[in-house]
C-alpha atoms as a PDB file:
ATOM      1  CA  MET A   1     107.453 -82.770 -50.667  1.00  0.00           C
ATOM      2  CA  LYS A   2     104.916 -80.648 -52.407  1.00  0.00           C
ATOM      3  CA  LYS A   3     106.316 -77.508 -54.004  1.00  0.00           C
ATOM      4  CA  LEU A   4     104.296 -74.234 -54.216  1.00  0.00           C
ATOM      5  CA  LYS A   5     104.646 -71.230 -56.524  1.00  0.00           C
ATOM      6  CA  THR A   6     102.766 -68.286 -54.957  1.00  0.00           C
ATOM      7  CA  ILE A   7     101.709 -65.218 -56.969  1.00  0.00           C
ATOM      8  CA  LEU A   8      99.523 -62.419 -55.623  1.00  0.00           C
ATOM      9  CA  VAL A   9      96.700 -62.013 -58.002  1.00  0.00           C
ATOM     10  CA  CYS A  10      94.491 -59.162 -57.286  1.00  0.00           C
ATOM     11  CA  GLY A  11      91.576 -58.666 -59.826  1.00  0.00           C
ATOM     12  CA  PHE A  12      88.160 -57.262 -59.667  1.00  0.00           C
ATOM     13  CA  CYS A  13      85.225 -58.395 -61.954  1.00  0.00           C
ATOM     14  CA  LEU A  14      82.417 -55.958 -62.455  1.00  0.00           C
ATOM     15  CA  LEU A  15      79.015 -57.130 -63.555  1.00  0.00           C
ATOM     16  CA  LEU A  16      76.674 -54.258 -63.274  1.00  0.00           C
ATOM     17  CA  LEU A  17      73.254 -55.334 -64.294  1.00  0.00           C
ATOM     18  CA  THR A  18      70.152 -53.365 -65.204  1.00  0.00           C
ATOM     19  CA  GLY A  19      66.674 -54.755 -65.499  1.00  0.00           C
ATOM     20  CA  CYS A  20      67.075 -55.093 -69.351  1.00  0.00           C
ATOM     21  CA  GLY A  21      70.683 -56.040 -69.799  1.00  0.00           C
ATOM     22  CA  GLU A  22      74.386 -55.366 -69.014  1.00  0.00           C
ATOM     23  CA  LYS A  23      75.681 -51.845 -68.346  1.00  0.00           C
ATOM     24  CA  VAL A  24      78.676 -50.758 -70.488  1.00  0.00           C
ATOM     25  CA  VAL A  25      81.837 -50.689 -68.361  1.00  0.00           C
ATOM     26  CA  PRO A  26      83.579 -47.272 -69.058  1.00  0.00           C
ATOM     27  CA  LYS A  27      87.351 -47.413 -69.958  1.00  0.00           C
ATOM     28  CA  LEU A  28      90.266 -45.044 -69.375  1.00  0.00           C
ATOM     29  CA  ASP A  29      92.333 -43.625 -72.199  1.00  0.00           C
ATOM     30  CA  ASN A  30      94.898 -46.357 -71.804  1.00  0.00           C
ATOM     31  CA  GLY A  31      92.142 -49.042 -72.310  1.00  0.00           C
ATOM     32  CA  GLU A  32      91.848 -50.130 -68.583  1.00  0.00           C
ATOM     33  CA  GLU A  33      88.372 -50.632 -67.208  1.00  0.00           C
ATOM     34  CA  ALA A  34      87.260 -48.285 -64.667  1.00  0.00           C
ATOM     35  CA  ILE A  35      85.583 -49.209 -61.462  1.00  0.00           C
ATOM     36  CA  THR A  36      84.446 -45.851 -60.347  1.00  0.00           C
ATOM     37  CA  THR A  37      83.433 -42.713 -62.451  1.00  0.00           C
ATOM     38  CA  LEU A  38      83.122 -39.119 -61.248  1.00  0.00           C
ATOM     39  CA  LYS A  39      81.876 -35.968 -62.859  1.00  0.00           C
ATOM     40  CA  ASP A  40      84.023 -34.293 -65.590  1.00  0.00           C
ATOM     41  CA  GLY A  41      84.914 -37.785 -66.917  1.00  0.00           C
ATOM     42  CA  ARG A  42      87.190 -38.710 -64.041  1.00  0.00           C
ATOM     43  CA  LYS A  43      87.639 -42.382 -63.545  1.00  0.00           C
ATOM     44  CA  ILE A  44      89.518 -44.685 -61.141  1.00  0.00           C
ATOM     45  CA  SER A  45      90.938 -47.900 -62.629  1.00  0.00           C
ATOM     46  CA  ILE A  46      91.307 -51.465 -61.240  1.00  0.00           C
ATOM     47  CA  SER A  47      95.109 -50.758 -61.338  1.00  0.00           C
ATOM     48  CA  ASP A  48      94.692 -47.716 -59.157  1.00  0.00           C
ATOM     49  CA  LEU A  49      92.679 -49.572 -56.553  1.00  0.00           C
ATOM     50  CA  TYR A  50      95.210 -52.616 -56.758  1.00  0.00           C
ATOM     51  CA  SER A  51      98.188 -50.328 -56.218  1.00  0.00           C
ATOM     52  CA  LYS A  52      96.541 -48.649 -53.158  1.00  0.00           C
ATOM     53  CA  LEU A  53      95.390 -52.001 -51.644  1.00  0.00           C
ATOM     54  CA  LYS A  54      98.938 -53.567 -52.302  1.00  0.00           C
ATOM     55  CA  ASP A  55     100.688 -50.662 -50.445  1.00  0.00           C
ATOM     56  CA  GLN A  56      98.373 -50.884 -47.418  1.00  0.00           C
ATOM     57  CA  TYR A  57      97.458 -54.551 -47.025  1.00  0.00           C
ATOM     58  CA  GLY A  58      99.310 -56.409 -49.751  1.00  0.00           C
ATOM     59  CA  LEU A  59     102.056 -58.043 -47.603  1.00  0.00           C
ATOM     60  CA  GLU A  60      99.973 -59.067 -44.642  1.00  0.00           C
ATOM     61  CA  SER A  61      97.087 -60.395 -46.747  1.00  0.00           C
ATOM     62  CA  LEU A  62      99.603 -62.327 -49.026  1.00  0.00           C
ATOM     63  CA  MET A  63     101.445 -63.870 -45.998  1.00  0.00           C
ATOM     64  CA  ASN A  64      98.210 -65.116 -44.396  1.00  0.00           C
ATOM     65  CA  ILE A  65      97.168 -66.697 -47.769  1.00  0.00           C
ATOM     66  CA  ILE A  66     100.633 -68.262 -48.179  1.00  0.00           C
ATOM     67  CA  ASP A  67     100.997 -69.411 -44.648  1.00  0.00           C
ATOM     68  CA  LYS A  68      97.463 -71.083 -44.628  1.00  0.00           C
ATOM     69  CA  ILE A  69      98.299 -72.960 -47.753  1.00  0.00           C
ATOM     70  CA  ILE A  70     101.520 -74.212 -46.453  1.00  0.00           C
ATOM     71  CA  LEU A  71     100.500 -75.026 -42.842  1.00  0.00           C
ATOM     72  CA  GLU A  72      97.379 -76.844 -43.972  1.00  0.00           C
ATOM     73  CA  ASP A  73      99.592 -78.998 -46.286  1.00  0.00           C
ATOM     74  CA  LYS A  74     102.244 -79.565 -43.599  1.00  0.00           C
ATOM     75  CA  TYR A  75     100.043 -80.134 -40.651  1.00  0.00           C
ATOM     76  CA  SER A  76      96.937 -81.499 -42.425  1.00  0.00           C
ATOM     77  CA  SER A  77      96.399 -83.881 -39.419  1.00  0.00           C
ATOM     78  CA  ASP A  78      96.048 -80.925 -37.151  1.00  0.00           C
ATOM     79  CA  ILE A  79      93.460 -78.970 -39.059  1.00  0.00           C
ATOM     80  CA  ASP A  80      90.511 -80.359 -37.073  1.00  0.00           C
ATOM     81  CA  ALA A  81      92.243 -79.563 -33.759  1.00  0.00           C
ATOM     82  CA  ALA A  82      92.932 -76.093 -35.011  1.00  0.00           C
ATOM     83  CA  LYS A  83      89.354 -75.485 -36.047  1.00  0.00           C
ATOM     84  CA  GLU A  84      88.149 -76.836 -32.717  1.00  0.00           C
ATOM     85  CA  SER A  85      90.548 -74.528 -30.849  1.00  0.00           C
ATOM     86  CA  ALA A  86      89.236 -71.471 -32.834  1.00  0.00           C
ATOM     87  CA  THR A  87      85.651 -72.476 -32.152  1.00  0.00           C
ATOM     88  CA  ASN A  88      86.197 -73.036 -28.462  1.00  0.00           C
ATOM     89  CA  THR A  89      88.011 -69.709 -28.085  1.00  0.00           C
ATOM     90  CA  MET A  90      85.223 -67.869 -29.889  1.00  0.00           C
ATOM     91  CA  ASN A  91      82.518 -69.568 -27.647  1.00  0.00           C
ATOM     92  CA  GLN A  92      84.367 -68.510 -24.556  1.00  0.00           C
ATOM     93  CA  LEU A  93      84.599 -64.955 -25.743  1.00  0.00           C
ATOM     94  CA  LYS A  94      80.908 -64.999 -26.504  1.00  0.00           C
ATOM     95  CA  GLU A  95      80.158 -66.087 -23.099  1.00  0.00           C
ATOM     96  CA  SER A  96      82.288 -63.279 -21.675  1.00  0.00           C
ATOM     97  CA  TYR A  97      81.247 -60.400 -24.010  1.00  0.00           C
ATOM     98  CA  GLY A  98      77.771 -61.568 -25.200  1.00  0.00           C
ATOM     99  CA  ASP A  99      76.372 -59.185 -27.975  1.00  0.00           C
ATOM    100  CA  ASN A 100      79.345 -56.829 -27.440  1.00  0.00           C
ATOM    101  CA  LEU A 101      82.039 -59.314 -28.732  1.00  0.00           C
ATOM    102  CA  LEU A 102      82.168 -57.679 -32.230  1.00  0.00           C
ATOM    103  CA  GLN A 103      82.611 -54.329 -30.791  1.00  0.00           C
ATOM    104  CA  ALA A 104      85.339 -55.517 -28.474  1.00  0.00           C
ATOM    105  CA  ILE A 105      87.213 -57.150 -31.290  1.00  0.00           C
ATOM    106  CA  GLN A 106      87.009 -54.013 -33.415  1.00  0.00           C
ATOM    107  CA  GLN A 107      88.136 -51.921 -30.514  1.00  0.00           C
ATOM    108  CA  TYR A 108      91.085 -53.966 -29.428  1.00  0.00           C
ATOM    109  CA  THR A 109      92.273 -55.722 -32.710  1.00  0.00           C
ATOM    110  CA  ASN A 110      92.680 -54.898 -36.316  1.00  0.00           C
ATOM    111  CA  PHE A 111      89.788 -57.345 -37.316  1.00  0.00           C
ATOM    112  CA  ASN A 112      86.473 -56.128 -38.583  1.00  0.00           C
ATOM    113  CA  SER A 113      84.304 -59.336 -38.237  1.00  0.00           C
ATOM    114  CA  LEU A 114      84.021 -62.372 -35.926  1.00  0.00           C
ATOM    115  CA  GLU A 115      84.875 -64.599 -38.930  1.00  0.00           C
ATOM    116  CA  GLU A 116      88.085 -62.736 -39.484  1.00  0.00           C
ATOM    117  CA  TYR A 117      89.086 -63.104 -35.844  1.00  0.00           C
ATOM    118  CA  GLU A 118      88.189 -66.821 -35.744  1.00  0.00           C
ATOM    119  CA  ASN A 119      90.321 -67.361 -38.875  1.00  0.00           C
ATOM    120  CA  SER A 120      93.232 -65.695 -37.225  1.00  0.00           C
ATOM    121  CA  ILE A 121      92.994 -67.889 -34.186  1.00  0.00           C
ATOM    122  CA  TYR A 122      92.816 -70.945 -36.521  1.00  0.00           C
ATOM    123  CA  LEU A 123      95.898 -69.798 -38.422  1.00  0.00           C
ATOM    124  CA  ASN A 124      97.780 -68.922 -35.188  1.00  0.00           C
ATOM    125  CA  TYR A 125      97.219 -72.488 -33.944  1.00  0.00           C
ATOM    126  CA  LEU A 126      98.997 -73.908 -36.981  1.00  0.00           C
ATOM    127  CA  GLN A 127     101.747 -71.319 -36.934  1.00  0.00           C
ATOM    128  CA  ASN A 128     102.472 -72.227 -33.301  1.00  0.00           C
ATOM    129  CA  LYS A 129     102.861 -75.853 -34.417  1.00  0.00           C
ATOM    130  CA  ALA A 130     105.409 -74.737 -36.937  1.00  0.00           C
ATOM    131  CA  ILE A 131     107.327 -72.493 -34.410  1.00  0.00           C
ATOM    132  CA  LYS A 132     107.242 -75.324 -31.781  1.00  0.00           C
ATOM    133  CA  GLU A 133     108.721 -77.776 -34.345  1.00  0.00           C
ATOM    134  CA  TYR A 134     111.322 -75.236 -35.377  1.00  0.00           C
ATOM    135  CA  ALA A 135     112.333 -74.861 -31.745  1.00  0.00           C
ATOM    136  CA  LYS A 136     112.537 -78.617 -31.171  1.00  0.00           C
ATOM    137  CA  GLU A 137     115.045 -78.884 -34.022  1.00  0.00           C
ATOM    138  CA  LYS A 138     117.284 -76.423 -32.036  1.00  0.00           C
ATOM    139  CA  ILE A 139     117.414 -78.615 -28.936  1.00  0.00           C
ATOM    140  CA  LYS A 140     120.562 -80.850 -28.696  1.00  0.00           C
ATOM    141  CA  ASP A 141     120.728 -84.180 -27.111  1.00  0.00           C
ATOM    142  CA  SER A 142     123.200 -82.851 -24.558  1.00  0.00           C
ATOM    143  CA  ASP A 143     120.528 -80.316 -23.572  1.00  0.00           C
ATOM    144  CA  ILE A 144     117.974 -83.098 -22.970  1.00  0.00           C
ATOM    145  CA  ASN A 145     120.474 -85.200 -21.040  1.00  0.00           C
ATOM    146  CA  LYS A 146     121.529 -82.250 -18.818  1.00  0.00           C
ATOM    147  CA  TYR A 147     117.805 -81.339 -18.124  1.00  0.00           C
ATOM    148  CA  TYR A 148     117.201 -84.978 -17.204  1.00  0.00           C
ATOM    149  CA  LYS A 149     120.072 -85.065 -14.839  1.00  0.00           C
ATOM    150  CA  ASP A 150     119.499 -81.751 -13.198  1.00  0.00           C
ATOM    151  CA  GLU A 151     115.715 -81.303 -13.307  1.00  0.00           C
ATOM    152  CA  ILE A 152     113.860 -84.619 -13.411  1.00  0.00           C
ATOM    153  CA  LYS A 153     113.436 -86.078 -10.021  1.00  0.00           C
ATOM    154  CA  SER A 154     111.826 -89.147  -8.563  1.00  0.00           C
ATOM    155  CA  ASP A 155     108.260 -89.024  -7.233  1.00  0.00           C
ATOM    156  CA  ILE A 156     108.277 -88.775  -3.450  1.00  0.00           C
ATOM    157  CA  LYS A 157     105.571 -89.595  -0.957  1.00  0.00           C
ATOM    158  CA  VAL A 158     105.157 -86.780   1.631  1.00  0.00           C
ATOM    159  CA  SER A 159     102.788 -85.742   4.380  1.00  0.00           C
ATOM    160  CA  HIS A 160     102.474 -82.161   5.989  1.00  0.00           C
ATOM    161  CA  ILE A 161     101.070 -80.325   8.853  1.00  0.00           C
ATOM    162  CA  LEU A 162      99.864 -76.895   8.033  1.00  0.00           C
ATOM    163  CA  ILE A 163      99.747 -74.044  10.536  1.00  0.00           C
ATOM    164  CA  THR A 164      97.923 -71.018   9.170  1.00  0.00           C
ATOM    165  CA  VAL A 165      98.414 -67.465   9.964  1.00  0.00           C
ATOM    166  CA  ASP A 166      94.994 -66.451  11.543  1.00  0.00           C
ATOM    167  CA  ALA A 167      94.700 -62.764  10.941  1.00  0.00           C
ATOM    168  CA  ALA A 168      91.812 -60.827   9.429  1.00  0.00           C
ATOM    169  CA  SER A 169      92.570 -59.199   5.969  1.00  0.00           C
ATOM    170  CA  ASP A 170      91.810 -55.791   7.482  1.00  0.00           C
ATOM    171  CA  ALA A 171      94.081 -56.370  10.514  1.00  0.00           C
ATOM    172  CA  SER A 172      96.901 -53.973  11.287  1.00  0.00           C
ATOM    173  CA  ASP A 173     100.491 -54.678  10.204  1.00  0.00           C
ATOM    174  CA  SER A 174     101.286 -55.219  13.942  1.00  0.00           C
ATOM    175  CA  ASP A 175      98.487 -57.619  14.386  1.00  0.00           C
ATOM    176  CA  LYS A 176      99.420 -59.535  11.261  1.00  0.00           C
ATOM    177  CA  ALA A 177     102.972 -59.775  12.344  1.00  0.00           C
ATOM    178  CA  GLN A 178     101.908 -61.084  15.753  1.00  0.00           C
ATOM    179  CA  ALA A 179      99.643 -63.638  14.146  1.00  0.00           C
ATOM    180  CA  GLU A 180     102.612 -64.869  12.020  1.00  0.00           C
ATOM    181  CA  GLU A 181     104.824 -65.159  14.980  1.00  0.00           C
ATOM    182  CA  ASN A 182     102.098 -67.133  16.863  1.00  0.00           C
ATOM    183  CA  ALA A 183     101.818 -69.549  13.839  1.00  0.00           C
ATOM    184  CA  LYS A 184     105.480 -70.017  13.634  1.00  0.00           C
ATOM    185  CA  LYS A 185     105.708 -70.725  17.401  1.00  0.00           C
ATOM    186  CA  THR A 186     102.953 -73.395  17.159  1.00  0.00           C
ATOM    187  CA  ALA A 187     104.852 -74.996  14.206  1.00  0.00           C
ATOM    188  CA  GLU A 188     108.018 -75.093  16.326  1.00  0.00           C
ATOM    189  CA  GLU A 189     106.089 -76.645  19.228  1.00  0.00           C
ATOM    190  CA  VAL A 190     104.875 -79.400  16.828  1.00  0.00           C
ATOM    191  CA  ILE A 191     108.382 -80.106  15.659  1.00  0.00           C
ATOM    192  CA  GLU A 192     109.556 -80.327  19.231  1.00  0.00           C
ATOM    193  CA  LYS A 193     106.930 -82.900  19.966  1.00  0.00           C
ATOM    194  CA  LEU A 194     108.141 -84.886  17.030  1.00  0.00           C
ATOM    195  CA  ASN A 195     111.653 -84.582  18.206  1.00  0.00           C
ATOM    196  CA  GLN A 196     110.617 -86.223  21.528  1.00  0.00           C
ATOM    197  CA  ALA A 197     108.532 -89.017  20.038  1.00  0.00           C
ATOM    198  CA  SER A 198     109.905 -92.550  19.707  1.00  0.00           C
ATOM    199  CA  ASP A 199     107.703 -93.439  16.762  1.00  0.00           C
ATOM    200  CA  LYS A 200     108.087 -90.518  14.514  1.00  0.00           C
ATOM    201  CA  ALA A 201     105.772 -91.722  11.750  1.00  0.00           C
ATOM    202  CA  GLN A 202     102.895 -92.419  14.015  1.00  0.00           C
ATOM    203  CA  ALA A 203     103.496 -89.197  16.004  1.00  0.00           C
ATOM    204  CA  PHE A 204     103.357 -87.252  12.761  1.00  0.00           C
ATOM    205  CA  LYS A 205      99.992 -88.718  11.855  1.00  0.00           C
ATOM    206  CA  ASP A 206      98.599 -87.860  15.410  1.00  0.00           C
ATOM    207  CA  LEU A 207      99.896 -84.397  15.235  1.00  0.00           C
ATOM    208  CA  ALA A 208      98.520 -83.739  11.864  1.00  0.00           C
ATOM    209  CA  LYS A 209      95.114 -84.625  13.052  1.00  0.00           C
ATOM    210  CA  GLU A 210      95.467 -82.412  16.080  1.00  0.00           C
ATOM    211  CA  TYR A 211      97.064 -79.318  14.690  1.00  0.00           C
ATOM    212  CA  SER A 212      96.927 -79.171  10.835  1.00  0.00           C
ATOM    213  CA  LYS A 213      94.635 -76.712   9.194  1.00  0.00           C
ATOM    214  CA  ASP A 214      94.627 -78.505   5.925  1.00  0.00           C
ATOM    215  CA  ASP A 215      91.163 -80.152   6.187  1.00  0.00           C
ATOM    216  CA  SER A 216      91.733 -82.224   3.075  1.00  0.00           C
ATOM    217  CA  THR A 217      94.605 -84.178   4.494  1.00  0.00           C
ATOM    218  CA  LYS A 218      94.582 -83.940   8.324  1.00  0.00           C
ATOM    219  CA  GLU A 219      92.404 -86.982   9.092  1.00  0.00           C
ATOM    220  CA  ASP A 220      94.817 -89.016   6.750  1.00  0.00           C
ATOM    221  CA  GLY A 221      97.779 -87.947   8.905  1.00  0.00           C
ATOM    222  CA  GLY A 222      98.577 -85.013   6.471  1.00  0.00           C
ATOM    223  CA  ASN A 223      99.248 -87.419   3.576  1.00  0.00           C
ATOM    224  CA  LEU A 224      99.700 -85.674   0.251  1.00  0.00           C
ATOM    225  CA  GLY A 225     100.576 -88.818  -1.714  1.00  0.00           C
ATOM    226  CA  PHE A 226     103.314 -89.049  -4.278  1.00  0.00           C
ATOM    227  CA  ILE A 227     104.244 -85.705  -5.746  1.00  0.00           C
ATOM    228  CA  ASN A 228     106.838 -84.190  -7.937  1.00  0.00           C
ATOM    229  CA  THR A 229     108.231 -80.813  -8.252  1.00  0.00           C
ATOM    230  CA  ASN A 230     105.318 -79.212 -10.119  1.00  0.00           C
ATOM    231  CA  THR A 231     102.528 -81.300  -8.678  1.00  0.00           C
ATOM    232  CA  LEU A 232     101.234 -78.991  -6.009  1.00  0.00           C
ATOM    233  CA  GLY A 233     101.728 -75.637  -7.768  1.00  0.00           C
ATOM    234  CA  ASP A 234     103.625 -72.502  -6.747  1.00  0.00           C
ATOM    235  CA  SER A 235     101.836 -72.148  -3.383  1.00  0.00           C
ATOM    236  CA  TYR A 236     103.679 -75.140  -2.103  1.00  0.00           C
ATOM    237  CA  LYS A 237     107.006 -74.612  -3.832  1.00  0.00           C
ATOM    238  CA  ASN A 238     109.146 -73.937  -0.640  1.00  0.00           C
ATOM    239  CA  MET A 239     107.629 -76.981   1.040  1.00  0.00           C
ATOM    240  CA  VAL A 240     108.252 -79.203  -1.927  1.00  0.00           C
ATOM    241  CA  ASP A 241     111.914 -77.969  -2.295  1.00  0.00           C
ATOM    242  CA  SER A 242     112.422 -78.759   1.352  1.00  0.00           C
ATOM    243  CA  ALA A 243     110.894 -82.268   1.015  1.00  0.00           C
ATOM    244  CA  TYR A 244     113.440 -83.001  -1.785  1.00  0.00           C
ATOM    245  CA  GLY A 245     116.109 -82.080   0.629  1.00  0.00           C
ATOM    246  CA  LEU A 246     115.122 -84.851   3.063  1.00  0.00           C
ATOM    247  CA  LYS A 247     115.715 -88.562   2.986  1.00  0.00           C
ATOM    248  CA  ASP A 248     112.972 -91.037   3.384  1.00  0.00           C
ATOM    249  CA  GLY A 249     111.880 -91.119   7.149  1.00  0.00           C
ATOM    250  CA  GLU A 250     113.050 -87.570   7.833  1.00  0.00           C
ATOM    251  CA  TYR A 251     111.030 -84.383   8.613  1.00  0.00           C
ATOM    252  CA  SER A 252     111.788 -80.806   8.474  1.00  0.00           C
ATOM    253  CA  LYS A 253     113.416 -79.519  11.697  1.00  0.00           C
ATOM    254  CA  THR A 254     112.277 -75.876  11.173  1.00  0.00           C
ATOM    255  CA  PRO A 255     108.904 -74.495   9.961  1.00  0.00           C
ATOM    256  CA  ILE A 256     108.761 -74.008   6.246  1.00  0.00           C
ATOM    257  CA  LYS A 257     107.017 -70.754   5.343  1.00  0.00           C
ATOM    258  CA  THR A 258     104.721 -70.449   2.267  1.00  0.00           C
ATOM    259  CA  GLU A 259     101.816 -68.055   1.327  1.00  0.00           C
ATOM    260  CA  LEU A 260      99.615 -70.656   3.092  1.00  0.00           C
ATOM    261  CA  GLY A 261     101.362 -70.408   6.407  1.00  0.00           C
ATOM    262  CA  PHE A 262     104.074 -72.761   8.010  1.00  0.00           C
ATOM    263  CA  HIS A 263     104.454 -76.331   7.268  1.00  0.00           C
ATOM    264  CA  ILE A 264     106.181 -79.269   8.794  1.00  0.00           C
ATOM    265  CA  VAL A 265     106.792 -81.870   6.121  1.00  0.00           C
ATOM    266  CA  TYR A 266     107.694 -85.646   6.340  1.00  0.00           C
ATOM    267  CA  ARG A 267     109.092 -87.572   3.576  1.00  0.00           C
ATOM    268  CA  THR A 268     108.130 -91.216   3.647  1.00  0.00           C
ATOM    269  CA  GLU A 269     108.903 -92.902   0.417  1.00  0.00           C
ATOM    270  CA  THR A 270     110.738 -92.498  -2.941  1.00  0.00           C
ATOM    271  CA  LYS A 271     109.881 -94.073  -6.273  1.00  0.00           C
ATOM    272  CA  GLU A 272     112.501 -94.989  -8.882  1.00  0.00           C
ATOM    273  CA  LYS A 273     113.286 -92.169 -11.161  1.00  0.00           C
ATOM    274  CA  ALA A 274     111.682 -92.414 -14.648  1.00  0.00           C
ATOM    275  CA  SER A 275     113.993 -93.422 -17.405  1.00  0.00           C
ATOM    276  CA  LEU A 276     115.189 -90.848 -19.969  1.00  0.00           C
ATOM    277  CA  ASP A 277     113.160 -92.645 -22.639  1.00  0.00           C
ATOM    278  CA  GLU A 278     110.041 -92.262 -20.590  1.00  0.00           C
ATOM    279  CA  VAL A 279     110.334 -88.496 -20.151  1.00  0.00           C
ATOM    280  CA  LYS A 280     112.342 -87.496 -23.220  1.00  0.00           C
ATOM    281  CA  ASP A 281     109.244 -86.210 -25.186  1.00  0.00           C
ATOM    282  CA  SER A 282     108.167 -84.170 -22.114  1.00  0.00           C
ATOM    283  CA  ILE A 283     111.730 -82.626 -21.614  1.00  0.00           C
ATOM    284  CA  LEU A 284     111.868 -81.749 -25.368  1.00  0.00           C
ATOM    285  CA  ASP A 285     108.476 -79.935 -25.094  1.00  0.00           C
ATOM    286  CA  THR A 286     109.644 -78.049 -22.053  1.00  0.00           C
ATOM    287  CA  LEU A 287     113.021 -76.998 -23.598  1.00  0.00           C
ATOM    288  CA  ALA A 288     111.266 -76.074 -26.840  1.00  0.00           C
ATOM    289  CA  ASP A 289     108.979 -73.758 -24.922  1.00  0.00           C
ATOM    290  CA  LYS A 290     111.856 -72.167 -23.092  1.00  0.00           C
ATOM    291  CA  TYR A 291     113.682 -71.796 -26.479  1.00  0.00           C
ATOM    292  CA  ILE A 292     110.687 -69.831 -27.915  1.00  0.00           C
ATOM    293  CA  THR A 293     110.475 -67.656 -24.760  1.00  0.00           C
ATOM    294  CA  ASP A 294     114.239 -66.907 -24.796  1.00  0.00           C
ATOM    295  CA  ASN A 295     114.517 -66.434 -28.644  1.00  0.00           C
ATOM    296  CA  ALA A 296     111.633 -64.214 -29.834  1.00  0.00           C
ATOM    297  CA  GLU A 297     113.226 -64.442 -33.328  1.00  0.00           C
ATOM    298  CA  ALA A 298     112.079 -68.091 -33.527  1.00  0.00           C
ATOM    299  CA  GLN A 299     108.621 -66.932 -34.509  1.00  0.00           C
ATOM    300  CA  ILE A 300     109.936 -65.031 -37.410  1.00  0.00           C
ATOM    301  CA  LYS A 301     112.563 -67.623 -38.526  1.00  0.00           C
ATOM    302  CA  ALA A 302     110.299 -70.553 -38.190  1.00  0.00           C
ATOM    303  CA  MET A 303     107.849 -69.342 -40.791  1.00  0.00           C
ATOM    304  CA  GLN A 304     110.636 -67.734 -42.895  1.00  0.00           C
ATOM    305  CA  GLU A 305     112.240 -71.244 -43.275  1.00  0.00           C
ATOM    306  CA  LEU A 306     108.975 -73.050 -43.908  1.00  0.00           C
ATOM    307  CA  ARG A 307     108.197 -70.670 -46.891  1.00  0.00           C
ATOM    308  CA  LYS A 308     111.642 -71.421 -48.266  1.00  0.00           C
ATOM    309  CA  GLU A 309     111.011 -75.147 -47.837  1.00  0.00           C
ATOM    310  CA  TYR A 310     107.870 -74.671 -50.053  1.00  0.00           C
ATOM    311  CA  ASP A 311     109.737 -72.549 -52.615  1.00  0.00           C
ATOM    312  CA  MET A 312     107.843 -69.521 -52.072  1.00  0.00           C
ATOM    313  CA  ASP A 313     108.431 -67.002 -54.896  1.00  0.00           C
ATOM    314  CA  ILE A 314     106.694 -63.547 -54.561  1.00  0.00           C
ATOM    315  CA  ILE A 315     106.506 -62.331 -58.195  1.00  0.00           C
ATOM    316  CA  ASP A 316     105.342 -58.842 -57.489  1.00  0.00           C
ATOM    317  CA  SER A 317     108.518 -56.878 -57.030  1.00  0.00           C
ATOM    318  CA  ASP A 318     107.040 -54.325 -54.614  1.00  0.00           C
ATOM    319  CA  ILE A 319     105.593 -56.950 -52.341  1.00  0.00           C
ATOM    320  CA  HIS A 320     108.789 -58.994 -52.619  1.00  0.00           C
ATOM    321  CA  ASP A 321     110.752 -55.931 -51.330  1.00  0.00           C
ATOM    322  CA  GLN A 322     108.247 -55.411 -48.585  1.00  0.00           C
ATOM    323  CA  TYR A 323     108.766 -58.955 -47.350  1.00  0.00           C
ATOM    324  CA  ILE A 324     112.530 -58.623 -47.232  1.00  0.00           C
ATOM    325  CA  ARG A 325     112.242 -55.407 -45.280  1.00  0.00           C
ATOM    326  CA  TYR A 326     109.692 -56.880 -42.917  1.00  0.00           C
ATOM    327  CA  ILE A 327     112.014 -59.840 -41.991  1.00  0.00           C
ATOM    328  CA  GLN A 328     115.132 -57.633 -41.700  1.00  0.00           C
ATOM    329  CA  ASN A 329     113.229 -55.059 -39.558  1.00  0.00           C
ATOM    330  CA  SER A 330     111.515 -57.580 -37.364  1.00  0.00           C
ATOM    331  CA  LEU A 331     114.850 -59.441 -36.550  1.00  0.00           C
ATOM    332  CA  ALA A 332     116.579 -56.047 -36.028  1.00  0.00           C
ATOM    333  CA  GLN A 333     113.857 -54.965 -33.553  1.00  0.00           C
ATOM    334  CA  ILE A 334     114.116 -58.186 -31.676  1.00  0.00           C
ATOM    335  CA  GLN A 335     118.018 -57.853 -31.479  1.00  0.00           C
ATOM    336  CA  ALA A 336     117.705 -54.246 -30.308  1.00  0.00           C
ATOM    337  CA  SER A 337     115.290 -55.328 -27.512  1.00  0.00           C
ATOM    338  CA  LYS A 338     117.703 -57.979 -26.510  1.00  0.00           C
ATOM    339  CA  ASN A 339     120.598 -55.471 -26.346  1.00  0.00           C
ATOM    340  CA  SER A 340     118.492 -53.073 -24.268  1.00  0.00           C
ATOM    341  CA  ASP A 341     117.597 -55.810 -21.768  1.00  0.00           C
ATOM    342  CA  LYS A 342     121.309 -56.801 -21.465  1.00  0.00           C
ATOM    343  CA  THR A 343     122.132 -53.170 -20.824  1.00  0.00           C
ATOM    344  CA  LYS A 344     119.563 -52.796 -18.210  1.00  0.00           C
ATOM    345  CA  SER A 345     120.530 -55.995 -16.341  1.00  0.00           C
ATOM    346  CA  SER A 346     124.157 -54.940 -16.384  1.00  0.00           C
ATOM    347  CA  LYS A 347     123.452 -51.736 -14.569  1.00  0.00           C
END
């Protein structure tokens, strides 16, 4: 593993040229070179400027330099992807803002140029890699096994009949309520016809062609193909949950309400559940994302540990102390926010 010693070096070289030679650089009484002179012999030294810049921007600038060095070393194979991500993001922003992009960035962020902002996107991509890797290390095998048992389901093949609620967007509340009641009643009538049919599978196909408002599936008997819990998106969640509560060859006995209307769902086939080895990486990604969401301090600790791994040593005592306070204050703020959320939820 490559070890890095990082020292903040801030120096300014002045070369003021005239048409016929070098200008003499004035000095302060202590021998330091001045970078600005004023009347009455007043001067500002490089040390004056360095101290001011260090107080205002030193820690943030240094951390960006350090993190870039470390992350480009640790995730060298991801550099091209990070650059591409930054470029794509900037192109999307340019399409949205056009010539006003720089103004928008200066207004809503702390960046003063497009290049600075693009560099921050690039660095953020690599930082997220480190944070995700840190989170994965916190996931136990028992967590993965539990998620596999409780959350990973077999693919199931389903068909549905959709009865929409036909009400204009500007209809009165009573008219909307009546339209919803009519849609539910129609769905109940479809279910009753299924109950009376001897060949349920064929009857479902015929009823889908007759009643379903899902034009993309009705001619195929309402066939949605093989799905899993997240295949169809949030709009179908209630319907999918109901489908997983059925056995092959069963259909819902009551209308299932979603934001799309009312559904009757028919489960026709179940695939064998994927093995743990097949889905382990996907589960780990999901649990790591959840860990990051639930543990805001992961973003601080991930980079903190990575800097320790690379033997970061901030020589400047002022910035070293700033860094310690930054870590402590950031973690304290996160903990205070968690405590506040717990207090609110307990009320």
